[in-house]
Amino acid sequence: MFTGIVEELGEVVRRTDTGGDSALLAVRGPVVTADARHGDSIAVNGVCLTVVEVADGVFTADVMGETLHRSSLGALRPGDPVNLERAATLGSRLGGHLVQGHVDGVGTIVDREPAPQWETVRFSAPAGLARYLVEKGSITVDGVSLTVTAVTDDGFSVGLIPTTLKLTTLGHKRVGDPVNLEVDVIAKYVERLLGRRTE
């Protein structure tokens, strides 16, 4: 479990295809690897990955085909920046919202509107995800916990403050770039429970 508060902007060191539609990803992140051990969870652009090895500020993680196809991790190349967050502990502050690290779909950046103190960014969302979005609700974009400012039939908008623009990949991405989306898990559970009651 994560909170969507990015701890560090890391960098992809290498990607090794391991056959069978899977890959081994090596990521540099001195902050998140400071206390990382084999088996720990680290979110990479919002995708929960399991640490295989740690050495000199770099950790490696296996990425199966399912993850490569359902997220934007399949497009990562050496040198690409990535948002990193260690799994939350029971003593962690919940600065964002409850994030599982399970990507629901890949969206794209549709538009960016800079303003003096923030930037409004509009994203497309895959069909079926819009029903989980609500104005002033939570959404995770590339592992960043954000507040939805507007919802449309095919996407949503958020406002990004200077800190988010500077310290995450969202400040560097361009119109057309893919992003990992995770909707609020509570909304999915509510839908499932209400669906069972009406059956």
N, C-alpha and C. Protein backbone atom coordinates (compact mmCIF):
# COMPACT_ATOMS: atom_id res chain seq x y z
N MET A 1 0.84 -1.18 0.00
CA MET A 1 0.00 0.00 0.00
C MET A 1 0.88 1.24 0.00
N PHE A 2 0.44 2.25 -0.76
CA PHE A 2 1.19 3.50 -0.89
C PHE A 2 0.26 4.68 -0.59
N THR A 3 0.82 5.89 -0.63
CA THR A 3 0.00 7.07 -0.36
C THR A 3 -0.04 8.04 -1.55
N GLY A 4 0.76 7.79 -2.57
CA GLY A 4 0.78 8.68 -3.72
C GLY A 4 1.61 9.93 -3.51
N ILE A 5 2.45 9.92 -2.48
CA ILE A 5 3.37 11.04 -2.25
C ILE A 5 4.75 10.60 -2.73
N VAL A 6 5.17 11.09 -3.88
CA VAL A 6 6.43 10.67 -4.49
C VAL A 6 7.60 11.10 -3.61
N GLU A 7 8.49 10.14 -3.33
CA GLU A 7 9.65 10.43 -2.48
C GLU A 7 10.86 10.88 -3.28
N GLU A 8 10.90 10.46 -4.53
CA GLU A 8 12.12 10.69 -5.29
C GLU A 8 11.85 10.55 -6.78
N LEU A 9 12.53 11.36 -7.56
CA LEU A 9 12.51 11.22 -9.01
C LEU A 9 13.72 10.36 -9.38
N GLY A 10 13.46 9.10 -9.70
CA GLY A 10 14.53 8.18 -10.03
C GLY A 10 14.81 8.14 -11.51
N GLU A 11 15.65 7.19 -11.92
CA GLU A 11 16.03 7.07 -13.33
C GLU A 11 16.18 5.60 -13.69
N VAL A 12 15.65 5.23 -14.84
CA VAL A 12 15.81 3.87 -15.34
C VAL A 12 17.26 3.69 -15.78
N VAL A 13 17.91 2.67 -15.24
CA VAL A 13 19.31 2.38 -15.59
C VAL A 13 19.38 1.42 -16.76
N ARG A 14 18.57 0.38 -16.70
CA ARG A 14 18.54 -0.57 -17.82
C ARG A 14 17.26 -1.39 -17.76
N ARG A 15 16.92 -1.92 -18.92
CA ARG A 15 15.81 -2.86 -19.02
C ARG A 15 16.31 -4.08 -19.78
N THR A 16 16.15 -5.24 -19.18
CA THR A 16 16.61 -6.48 -19.79
C THR A 16 15.41 -7.37 -20.04
N ASP A 17 15.15 -7.68 -21.30
CA ASP A 17 14.07 -8.61 -21.62
C ASP A 17 14.49 -10.01 -21.20
N THR A 18 13.65 -10.67 -20.43
CA THR A 18 14.01 -11.96 -19.86
C THR A 18 13.28 -13.12 -20.52
N GLY A 19 12.60 -12.85 -21.63
CA GLY A 19 11.89 -13.92 -22.33
C GLY A 19 10.52 -14.15 -21.73
N GLY A 20 9.65 -14.75 -22.53
CA GLY A 20 8.32 -15.02 -22.01
C GLY A 20 7.53 -13.76 -21.75
N ASP A 21 7.84 -12.69 -22.50
CA ASP A 21 7.09 -11.44 -22.38
C ASP A 21 7.25 -10.80 -21.01
N SER A 22 8.45 -10.84 -20.47
CA SER A 22 8.73 -10.22 -19.18
C SER A 22 10.07 -9.48 -19.26
N ALA A 23 10.37 -8.71 -18.23
CA ALA A 23 11.60 -7.92 -18.24
C ALA A 23 12.13 -7.73 -16.83
N LEU A 24 13.41 -7.42 -16.74
CA LEU A 24 14.04 -7.06 -15.48
C LEU A 24 14.39 -5.58 -15.58
N LEU A 25 13.86 -4.80 -14.66
CA LEU A 25 14.04 -3.35 -14.69
C LEU A 25 15.01 -2.95 -13.58
N ALA A 26 16.01 -2.16 -13.93
CA ALA A 26 16.94 -1.61 -12.95
C ALA A 26 16.72 -0.11 -12.86
N VAL A 27 16.51 0.38 -11.63
CA VAL A 27 16.16 1.78 -11.41
C VAL A 27 17.06 2.39 -10.35
N ARG A 28 17.61 3.57 -10.64
CA ARG A 28 18.42 4.29 -9.65
C ARG A 28 17.52 5.15 -8.78
N GLY A 29 17.69 4.99 -7.46
CA GLY A 29 16.91 5.78 -6.51
C GLY A 29 17.55 5.70 -5.14
N PRO A 30 18.53 6.55 -4.85
CA PRO A 30 19.25 6.47 -3.58
C PRO A 30 18.37 6.64 -2.34
N VAL A 31 17.30 7.42 -2.45
CA VAL A 31 16.42 7.61 -1.28
C VAL A 31 15.64 6.35 -0.98
N VAL A 32 14.97 5.80 -2.00
CA VAL A 32 14.11 4.64 -1.76
C VAL A 32 14.90 3.35 -1.52
N THR A 33 16.17 3.33 -1.93
CA THR A 33 16.98 2.14 -1.71
C THR A 33 17.79 2.20 -0.41
N ALA A 34 17.72 3.33 0.31
CA ALA A 34 18.52 3.50 1.53
C ALA A 34 18.25 2.40 2.55
N ASP A 35 16.99 1.95 2.63
CA ASP A 35 16.66 0.88 3.58
C ASP A 35 15.95 -0.28 2.89
N ALA A 36 16.06 -0.34 1.56
CA ALA A 36 15.35 -1.38 0.81
C ALA A 36 16.06 -2.72 0.92
N ARG A 37 15.24 -3.77 0.96
CA ARG A 37 15.77 -5.14 1.01
C ARG A 37 15.02 -6.00 0.01
N HIS A 38 15.56 -7.16 -0.26
CA HIS A 38 14.90 -8.12 -1.14
C HIS A 38 13.48 -8.37 -0.66
N GLY A 39 12.51 -8.28 -1.57
CA GLY A 39 11.11 -8.52 -1.22
C GLY A 39 10.31 -7.29 -0.88
N ASP A 40 10.98 -6.15 -0.69
CA ASP A 40 10.25 -4.91 -0.39
C ASP A 40 9.50 -4.43 -1.63
N SER A 41 8.49 -3.59 -1.41
CA SER A 41 7.70 -3.02 -2.50
C SER A 41 8.09 -1.56 -2.73
N ILE A 42 8.30 -1.22 -3.99
CA ILE A 42 8.55 0.16 -4.40
C ILE A 42 7.66 0.45 -5.60
N ALA A 43 6.94 1.56 -5.54
CA ALA A 43 6.09 1.97 -6.66
C ALA A 43 6.94 2.73 -7.68
N VAL A 44 6.87 2.30 -8.93
CA VAL A 44 7.57 2.95 -10.03
C VAL A 44 6.51 3.49 -10.99
N ASN A 45 6.39 4.81 -11.04
CA ASN A 45 5.32 5.46 -11.82
C ASN A 45 3.96 4.87 -11.47
N GLY A 46 3.78 4.58 -10.18
CA GLY A 46 2.49 4.10 -9.71
C GLY A 46 2.29 2.61 -9.78
N VAL A 47 3.29 1.87 -10.25
CA VAL A 47 3.18 0.41 -10.35
C VAL A 47 3.97 -0.23 -9.22
N CYS A 48 3.31 -1.04 -8.42
CA CYS A 48 3.97 -1.72 -7.31
C CYS A 48 4.88 -2.82 -7.85
N LEU A 49 6.19 -2.69 -7.59
CA LEU A 49 7.16 -3.70 -8.01
C LEU A 49 7.87 -4.26 -6.77
N THR A 50 8.31 -5.50 -6.88
CA THR A 50 9.00 -6.16 -5.78
C THR A 50 10.51 -6.13 -6.01
N VAL A 51 11.23 -5.66 -5.02
CA VAL A 51 12.69 -5.54 -5.11
C VAL A 51 13.32 -6.93 -5.16
N VAL A 52 14.20 -7.13 -6.16
CA VAL A 52 14.95 -8.38 -6.27
C VAL A 52 16.34 -8.22 -5.67
N GLU A 53 17.02 -7.16 -6.10
CA GLU A 53 18.36 -6.87 -5.59
C GLU A 53 18.53 -5.37 -5.40
N VAL A 54 19.45 -5.00 -4.49
CA VAL A 54 19.79 -3.60 -4.26
C VAL A 54 21.30 -3.48 -4.19
N ALA A 55 21.87 -2.51 -4.93
CA ALA A 55 23.31 -2.28 -4.88
C ALA A 55 23.61 -0.87 -5.36
N ASP A 56 24.36 -0.13 -4.56
CA ASP A 56 24.84 1.20 -4.95
C ASP A 56 23.72 2.13 -5.40
N GLY A 57 22.61 2.13 -4.67
CA GLY A 57 21.52 3.05 -4.97
C GLY A 57 20.65 2.63 -6.13
N VAL A 58 20.84 1.41 -6.64
CA VAL A 58 20.05 0.89 -7.75
C VAL A 58 19.33 -0.39 -7.30
N PHE A 59 18.05 -0.49 -7.62
CA PHE A 59 17.32 -1.73 -7.33
C PHE A 59 16.81 -2.33 -8.63
N THR A 60 16.68 -3.64 -8.62
CA THR A 60 16.13 -4.34 -9.78
C THR A 60 14.81 -4.98 -9.38
N ALA A 61 13.93 -5.13 -10.36
CA ALA A 61 12.62 -5.72 -10.13
C ALA A 61 12.17 -6.45 -11.38
N ASP A 62 11.54 -7.60 -11.19
CA ASP A 62 10.95 -8.34 -12.30
C ASP A 62 9.63 -7.70 -12.68
N VAL A 63 9.39 -7.57 -13.98
CA VAL A 63 8.13 -7.01 -14.47
C VAL A 63 7.52 -8.02 -15.44
N MET A 64 6.38 -8.59 -15.06
CA MET A 64 5.76 -9.61 -15.91
C MET A 64 5.00 -8.98 -17.07
N GLY A 65 4.67 -9.81 -18.04
CA GLY A 65 4.00 -9.33 -19.24
C GLY A 65 2.71 -8.60 -18.97
N GLU A 66 1.94 -9.08 -18.01
CA GLU A 66 0.67 -8.43 -17.65
C GLU A 66 0.90 -6.97 -17.29
N THR A 67 1.94 -6.72 -16.50
CA THR A 67 2.26 -5.36 -16.08
C THR A 67 2.76 -4.52 -17.25
N LEU A 68 3.59 -5.11 -18.10
CA LEU A 68 4.11 -4.38 -19.26
C LEU A 68 2.99 -3.95 -20.20
N HIS A 69 1.95 -4.78 -20.32
CA HIS A 69 0.85 -4.47 -21.23
C HIS A 69 -0.19 -3.53 -20.62
N ARG A 70 -0.40 -3.62 -19.31
CA ARG A 70 -1.46 -2.83 -18.66
C ARG A 70 -0.98 -1.49 -18.12
N SER A 71 0.32 -1.22 -18.21
CA SER A 71 0.87 0.04 -17.71
C SER A 71 1.82 0.62 -18.76
N SER A 72 2.36 1.78 -18.44
CA SER A 72 3.31 2.41 -19.36
C SER A 72 4.74 1.94 -19.11
N LEU A 73 4.94 1.00 -18.19
CA LEU A 73 6.30 0.55 -17.91
C LEU A 73 6.94 -0.12 -19.12
N GLY A 74 6.14 -0.70 -19.99
CA GLY A 74 6.67 -1.35 -21.18
C GLY A 74 7.38 -0.39 -22.12
N ALA A 75 7.10 0.90 -21.99
CA ALA A 75 7.71 1.90 -22.87
C ALA A 75 8.95 2.54 -22.26
N LEU A 76 9.29 2.18 -21.02
CA LEU A 76 10.44 2.79 -20.36
C LEU A 76 11.75 2.37 -21.01
N ARG A 77 12.69 3.32 -21.08
CA ARG A 77 14.01 3.07 -21.64
C ARG A 77 15.06 3.67 -20.70
N PRO A 78 16.32 3.20 -20.77
CA PRO A 78 17.37 3.77 -19.94
C PRO A 78 17.44 5.29 -20.06
N GLY A 79 17.55 5.95 -18.92
CA GLY A 79 17.60 7.41 -18.88
C GLY A 79 16.27 8.05 -18.57
N ASP A 80 15.17 7.29 -18.71
CA ASP A 80 13.85 7.86 -18.43
C ASP A 80 13.68 8.13 -16.94
N PRO A 81 13.12 9.30 -16.58
CA PRO A 81 12.83 9.57 -15.17
C PRO A 81 11.58 8.83 -14.73
N VAL A 82 11.53 8.42 -13.47
CA VAL A 82 10.37 7.72 -12.93
C VAL A 82 10.08 8.19 -11.51
N ASN A 83 8.79 8.22 -11.16
CA ASN A 83 8.38 8.56 -9.80
C ASN A 83 8.55 7.34 -8.91
N LEU A 84 9.16 7.53 -7.74
CA LEU A 84 9.42 6.42 -6.83
C LEU A 84 8.82 6.69 -5.45
N GLU A 85 8.24 5.64 -4.88
CA GLU A 85 7.71 5.72 -3.51
C GLU A 85 7.81 4.36 -2.86
N ARG A 86 8.34 4.34 -1.63
CA ARG A 86 8.37 3.10 -0.86
C ARG A 86 6.98 2.81 -0.29
N ALA A 87 6.73 1.54 -0.02
CA ALA A 87 5.45 1.16 0.57
C ALA A 87 5.29 1.84 1.92
N ALA A 88 4.06 2.20 2.24
CA ALA A 88 3.76 2.86 3.52
C ALA A 88 3.88 1.87 4.67
N THR A 89 4.21 2.38 5.84
CA THR A 89 4.22 1.56 7.06
C THR A 89 3.04 1.99 7.93
N LEU A 90 2.76 1.23 8.98
CA LEU A 90 1.64 1.58 9.85
C LEU A 90 1.83 2.93 10.52
N GLY A 91 3.08 3.38 10.62
CA GLY A 91 3.35 4.67 11.24
C GLY A 91 3.45 5.81 10.25
N SER A 92 3.22 5.53 8.96
CA SER A 92 3.35 6.57 7.93
C SER A 92 2.21 7.58 8.01
N ARG A 93 2.51 8.81 7.61
CA ARG A 93 1.46 9.81 7.45
C ARG A 93 0.77 9.56 6.12
N LEU A 94 -0.54 9.69 6.11
CA LEU A 94 -1.31 9.50 4.88
C LEU A 94 -1.49 10.86 4.22
N GLY A 95 -0.42 11.33 3.57
CA GLY A 95 -0.45 12.66 2.98
C GLY A 95 -1.27 12.72 1.70
N GLY A 96 -1.42 11.59 1.03
CA GLY A 96 -2.21 11.56 -0.20
C GLY A 96 -3.51 10.82 0.03
N HIS A 97 -3.64 9.62 -0.57
CA HIS A 97 -4.79 8.76 -0.30
C HIS A 97 -4.33 7.31 -0.44
N LEU A 98 -5.19 6.36 -0.15
CA LEU A 98 -4.82 4.96 -0.22
C LEU A 98 -4.60 4.54 -1.67
N VAL A 99 -3.37 4.13 -1.96
CA VAL A 99 -2.97 3.74 -3.31
C VAL A 99 -2.43 2.32 -3.26
N GLN A 100 -2.93 1.46 -4.14
CA GLN A 100 -2.50 0.07 -4.14
C GLN A 100 -1.28 -0.21 -5.02
N GLY A 101 -1.06 0.64 -6.01
CA GLY A 101 0.01 0.35 -6.95
C GLY A 101 -0.45 -0.62 -8.02
N HIS A 102 -1.77 -0.73 -8.20
CA HIS A 102 -2.37 -1.59 -9.22
C HIS A 102 -3.01 -0.69 -10.29
N VAL A 103 -2.37 -0.58 -11.42
CA VAL A 103 -2.82 0.33 -12.46
C VAL A 103 -4.12 -0.15 -13.09
N ASP A 104 -5.10 0.76 -13.20
CA ASP A 104 -6.40 0.44 -13.80
C ASP A 104 -6.40 0.67 -15.30
N GLY A 105 -5.50 1.50 -15.79
CA GLY A 105 -5.44 1.78 -17.21
C GLY A 105 -4.41 2.85 -17.52
N VAL A 106 -4.14 3.01 -18.80
CA VAL A 106 -3.18 4.02 -19.25
C VAL A 106 -3.94 5.14 -19.95
N GLY A 107 -3.73 6.37 -19.50
CA GLY A 107 -4.32 7.53 -20.15
C GLY A 107 -3.23 8.31 -20.88
N THR A 108 -3.60 9.43 -21.46
CA THR A 108 -2.62 10.28 -22.12
C THR A 108 -2.87 11.73 -21.73
N ILE A 109 -1.83 12.53 -21.81
CA ILE A 109 -1.97 13.97 -21.56
C ILE A 109 -2.59 14.60 -22.79
N VAL A 110 -3.72 15.27 -22.60
CA VAL A 110 -4.46 15.87 -23.71
C VAL A 110 -4.11 17.35 -23.88
N ASP A 111 -3.91 18.04 -22.74
CA ASP A 111 -3.70 19.48 -22.81
C ASP A 111 -3.03 19.96 -21.53
N ARG A 112 -2.22 21.01 -21.65
CA ARG A 112 -1.58 21.65 -20.50
C ARG A 112 -1.83 23.15 -20.58
N GLU A 113 -2.33 23.73 -19.48
CA GLU A 113 -2.60 25.17 -19.44
C GLU A 113 -1.82 25.79 -18.28
N PRO A 114 -0.65 26.36 -18.56
CA PRO A 114 0.15 26.98 -17.50
C PRO A 114 -0.53 28.23 -16.93
N ALA A 115 -0.35 28.44 -15.64
CA ALA A 115 -0.81 29.65 -14.96
C ALA A 115 0.35 30.11 -14.06
N PRO A 116 0.28 31.33 -13.51
CA PRO A 116 1.40 31.83 -12.71
C PRO A 116 1.80 30.94 -11.54
N GLN A 117 0.82 30.33 -10.84
CA GLN A 117 1.14 29.56 -9.63
C GLN A 117 0.82 28.08 -9.74
N TRP A 118 0.24 27.63 -10.85
CA TRP A 118 -0.08 26.22 -11.02
C TRP A 118 -0.26 25.94 -12.50
N GLU A 119 -0.54 24.69 -12.81
CA GLU A 119 -0.79 24.32 -14.20
C GLU A 119 -1.97 23.35 -14.24
N THR A 120 -2.92 23.61 -15.10
CA THR A 120 -4.04 22.70 -15.28
C THR A 120 -3.68 21.71 -16.38
N VAL A 121 -3.82 20.42 -16.06
CA VAL A 121 -3.48 19.37 -17.02
C VAL A 121 -4.70 18.50 -17.23
N ARG A 122 -5.03 18.26 -18.49
CA ARG A 122 -6.18 17.42 -18.83
C ARG A 122 -5.69 16.10 -19.38
N PHE A 123 -6.30 15.01 -18.91
CA PHE A 123 -5.91 13.66 -19.30
C PHE A 123 -7.10 12.94 -19.93
N SER A 124 -6.81 12.08 -20.89
CA SER A 124 -7.82 11.14 -21.36
C SER A 124 -7.80 9.94 -20.41
N ALA A 125 -8.90 9.21 -20.36
CA ALA A 125 -8.97 8.01 -19.53
C ALA A 125 -9.62 6.90 -20.32
N PRO A 126 -9.19 5.66 -20.13
CA PRO A 126 -9.80 4.54 -20.86
C PRO A 126 -11.30 4.44 -20.56
N ALA A 127 -12.04 3.91 -21.51
CA ALA A 127 -13.48 3.72 -21.31
C ALA A 127 -13.71 2.87 -20.07
N GLY A 128 -14.67 3.28 -19.28
CA GLY A 128 -15.01 2.53 -18.08
C GLY A 128 -14.43 3.10 -16.81
N LEU A 129 -13.42 3.95 -16.90
CA LEU A 129 -12.83 4.51 -15.69
C LEU A 129 -13.52 5.78 -15.23
N ALA A 130 -14.20 6.48 -16.16
CA ALA A 130 -14.82 7.76 -15.82
C ALA A 130 -15.85 7.61 -14.70
N ARG A 131 -16.49 6.46 -14.62
CA ARG A 131 -17.52 6.28 -13.58
C ARG A 131 -16.94 6.28 -12.17
N TYR A 132 -15.63 6.09 -12.04
CA TYR A 132 -14.99 6.11 -10.73
C TYR A 132 -14.45 7.49 -10.36
N LEU A 133 -14.56 8.44 -11.27
CA LEU A 133 -14.00 9.76 -11.04
C LEU A 133 -15.07 10.73 -10.60
N VAL A 134 -14.74 11.56 -9.64
CA VAL A 134 -15.67 12.57 -9.15
C VAL A 134 -14.89 13.85 -8.85
N GLU A 135 -15.51 14.98 -9.14
CA GLU A 135 -14.86 16.25 -8.85
C GLU A 135 -14.51 16.34 -7.37
N LYS A 136 -13.29 16.75 -7.09
CA LYS A 136 -12.71 16.85 -5.76
C LYS A 136 -12.37 15.49 -5.16
N GLY A 137 -12.50 14.43 -5.96
CA GLY A 137 -12.10 13.10 -5.53
C GLY A 137 -10.62 12.87 -5.83
N SER A 138 -10.14 11.68 -5.49
CA SER A 138 -8.72 11.35 -5.66
C SER A 138 -8.48 10.49 -6.89
N ILE A 139 -7.33 10.69 -7.51
CA ILE A 139 -6.86 9.88 -8.64
C ILE A 139 -5.35 9.78 -8.52
N THR A 140 -4.80 8.65 -8.92
CA THR A 140 -3.34 8.50 -8.94
C THR A 140 -2.88 8.52 -10.39
N VAL A 141 -1.98 9.45 -10.70
CA VAL A 141 -1.43 9.59 -12.06
C VAL A 141 0.07 9.38 -11.97
N ASP A 142 0.57 8.31 -12.60
CA ASP A 142 1.99 7.95 -12.52
C ASP A 142 2.48 7.90 -11.08
N GLY A 143 1.61 7.42 -10.19
CA GLY A 143 1.99 7.27 -8.79
C GLY A 143 1.82 8.51 -7.94
N VAL A 144 1.31 9.58 -8.53
CA VAL A 144 1.12 10.85 -7.80
C VAL A 144 -0.34 10.99 -7.38
N SER A 145 -0.58 11.15 -6.11
CA SER A 145 -1.94 11.38 -5.60
C SER A 145 -2.38 12.80 -5.95
N LEU A 146 -3.48 12.90 -6.71
CA LEU A 146 -3.96 14.21 -7.16
C LEU A 146 -5.45 14.35 -6.91
N THR A 147 -5.91 15.59 -6.87
CA THR A 147 -7.33 15.88 -6.71
C THR A 147 -7.92 16.23 -8.06
N VAL A 148 -9.01 15.57 -8.40
CA VAL A 148 -9.70 15.81 -9.67
C VAL A 148 -10.41 17.16 -9.61
N THR A 149 -10.18 18.00 -10.61
CA THR A 149 -10.84 19.31 -10.63
C THR A 149 -12.03 19.34 -11.57
N ALA A 150 -12.04 18.45 -12.56
CA ALA A 150 -13.16 18.37 -13.51
C ALA A 150 -13.19 16.99 -14.12
N VAL A 151 -14.40 16.53 -14.48
CA VAL A 151 -14.58 15.21 -15.08
C VAL A 151 -15.40 15.35 -16.36
N THR A 152 -14.97 14.65 -17.41
CA THR A 152 -15.74 14.58 -18.65
C THR A 152 -16.01 13.11 -18.96
N ASP A 153 -16.72 12.85 -20.04
CA ASP A 153 -17.04 11.47 -20.40
C ASP A 153 -15.80 10.66 -20.75
N ASP A 154 -14.74 11.34 -21.22
CA ASP A 154 -13.56 10.60 -21.67
C ASP A 154 -12.28 11.01 -20.96
N GLY A 155 -12.41 11.74 -19.85
CA GLY A 155 -11.20 12.13 -19.14
C GLY A 155 -11.45 13.00 -17.93
N PHE A 156 -10.40 13.68 -17.50
CA PHE A 156 -10.48 14.49 -16.28
C PHE A 156 -9.35 15.51 -16.28
N SER A 157 -9.46 16.48 -15.38
CA SER A 157 -8.43 17.50 -15.23
C SER A 157 -7.95 17.56 -13.79
N VAL A 158 -6.70 18.00 -13.62
CA VAL A 158 -6.14 18.22 -12.29
C VAL A 158 -5.37 19.53 -12.32
N GLY A 159 -5.10 20.08 -11.15
CA GLY A 159 -4.24 21.25 -11.03
C GLY A 159 -2.94 20.84 -10.38
N LEU A 160 -1.81 21.19 -11.00
CA LEU A 160 -0.50 20.82 -10.47
C LEU A 160 0.21 22.04 -9.90
N ILE A 161 0.62 21.93 -8.63
CA ILE A 161 1.34 23.02 -7.98
C ILE A 161 2.82 22.95 -8.39
N PRO A 162 3.59 24.03 -8.17
CA PRO A 162 5.00 24.04 -8.57
C PRO A 162 5.82 22.88 -8.00
N THR A 163 5.55 22.47 -6.76
CA THR A 163 6.30 21.36 -6.16
C THR A 163 6.10 20.08 -6.94
N THR A 164 4.86 19.79 -7.32
CA THR A 164 4.56 18.58 -8.10
C THR A 164 5.22 18.65 -9.47
N LEU A 165 5.18 19.83 -10.09
CA LEU A 165 5.79 20.00 -11.41
C LEU A 165 7.31 19.81 -11.35
N LYS A 166 7.93 20.22 -10.25
CA LYS A 166 9.38 20.15 -10.12
C LYS A 166 9.87 18.77 -9.70
N LEU A 167 9.13 18.11 -8.81
CA LEU A 167 9.64 16.90 -8.17
C LEU A 167 9.08 15.59 -8.71
N THR A 168 8.23 15.65 -9.75
CA THR A 168 7.69 14.43 -10.34
C THR A 168 7.81 14.47 -11.86
N THR A 169 7.54 13.35 -12.49
CA THR A 169 7.60 13.28 -13.95
C THR A 169 6.53 14.12 -14.62
N LEU A 170 5.49 14.48 -13.87
CA LEU A 170 4.39 15.24 -14.47
C LEU A 170 4.81 16.63 -14.92
N GLY A 171 5.90 17.13 -14.39
CA GLY A 171 6.41 18.43 -14.83
C GLY A 171 7.14 18.37 -16.15
N HIS A 172 7.55 17.15 -16.56
CA HIS A 172 8.35 17.00 -17.77
C HIS A 172 7.58 16.39 -18.94
N LYS A 173 6.45 15.77 -18.64
CA LYS A 173 5.73 15.07 -19.70
C LYS A 173 5.02 16.04 -20.63
N ARG A 174 4.84 15.58 -21.87
CA ARG A 174 4.25 16.43 -22.90
C ARG A 174 2.89 15.91 -23.33
N VAL A 175 2.18 16.74 -24.07
CA VAL A 175 0.89 16.32 -24.63
C VAL A 175 1.12 15.07 -25.49
N GLY A 176 0.29 14.06 -25.27
CA GLY A 176 0.42 12.80 -25.99
C GLY A 176 1.15 11.72 -25.22
N ASP A 177 1.88 12.10 -24.16
CA ASP A 177 2.62 11.11 -23.37
C ASP A 177 1.65 10.24 -22.56
N PRO A 178 1.98 8.95 -22.39
CA PRO A 178 1.12 8.06 -21.60
C PRO A 178 1.36 8.23 -20.10
N VAL A 179 0.33 7.97 -19.32
CA VAL A 179 0.43 8.00 -17.86
C VAL A 179 -0.36 6.83 -17.28
N ASN A 180 0.14 6.29 -16.17
CA ASN A 180 -0.56 5.22 -15.47
C ASN A 180 -1.64 5.82 -14.58
N LEU A 181 -2.83 5.23 -14.62
CA LEU A 181 -3.95 5.72 -13.82
C LEU A 181 -4.42 4.64 -12.85
N GLU A 182 -4.63 5.05 -11.62
CA GLU A 182 -5.27 4.18 -10.63
C GLU A 182 -6.38 4.97 -9.96
N VAL A 183 -7.61 4.49 -10.11
CA VAL A 183 -8.74 5.18 -9.49
C VAL A 183 -8.82 4.80 -8.02
N ASP A 184 -9.65 5.52 -7.29
CA ASP A 184 -9.81 5.29 -5.86
C ASP A 184 -10.39 3.89 -5.63
N VAL A 185 -9.67 3.07 -4.88
CA VAL A 185 -10.11 1.69 -4.65
C VAL A 185 -11.44 1.65 -3.90
N ILE A 186 -11.72 2.64 -3.08
CA ILE A 186 -12.98 2.66 -2.33
C ILE A 186 -14.16 2.73 -3.30
N ALA A 187 -14.03 3.51 -4.37
CA ALA A 187 -15.11 3.61 -5.36
C ALA A 187 -15.38 2.26 -6.00
N LYS A 188 -14.33 1.49 -6.27
CA LYS A 188 -14.51 0.17 -6.89
C LYS A 188 -15.21 -0.80 -5.94
N TYR A 189 -14.86 -0.73 -4.68
CA TYR A 189 -15.51 -1.61 -3.69
C TYR A 189 -16.98 -1.25 -3.51
N VAL A 190 -17.26 0.05 -3.45
CA VAL A 190 -18.65 0.49 -3.32
C VAL A 190 -19.48 0.01 -4.50
N GLU A 191 -18.95 0.16 -5.71
CA GLU A 191 -19.66 -0.29 -6.90
C GLU A 191 -19.94 -1.79 -6.82
N ARG A 192 -18.95 -2.55 -6.40
CA ARG A 192 -19.11 -4.01 -6.31
C ARG A 192 -20.16 -4.39 -5.28
N LEU A 193 -20.14 -3.74 -4.14
CA LEU A 193 -21.10 -4.05 -3.07
C LEU A 193 -22.51 -3.67 -3.48
N LEU A 194 -22.68 -2.49 -4.08
CA LEU A 194 -24.01 -2.06 -4.52
C LEU A 194 -24.53 -2.96 -5.63
N GLY A 195 -23.62 -3.41 -6.49
CA GLY A 195 -24.03 -4.32 -7.56
C GLY A 195 -24.54 -5.63 -7.01
N ARG A 196 -23.93 -6.13 -5.96
CA ARG A 196 -24.40 -7.38 -5.35
C ARG A 196 -25.76 -7.21 -4.69
N ARG A 197 -26.00 -6.02 -4.13
CA ARG A 197 -27.28 -5.79 -3.46
C ARG A 197 -28.44 -5.73 -4.44
N THR A 198 -28.14 -5.29 -5.68
CA THR A 198 -29.22 -5.17 -6.66
C THR A 198 -29.41 -6.43 -7.48
N GLU A 199 -28.50 -7.38 -7.33
CA GLU A 199 -28.64 -8.64 -8.08
C GLU A 199 -29.73 -9.52 -7.48
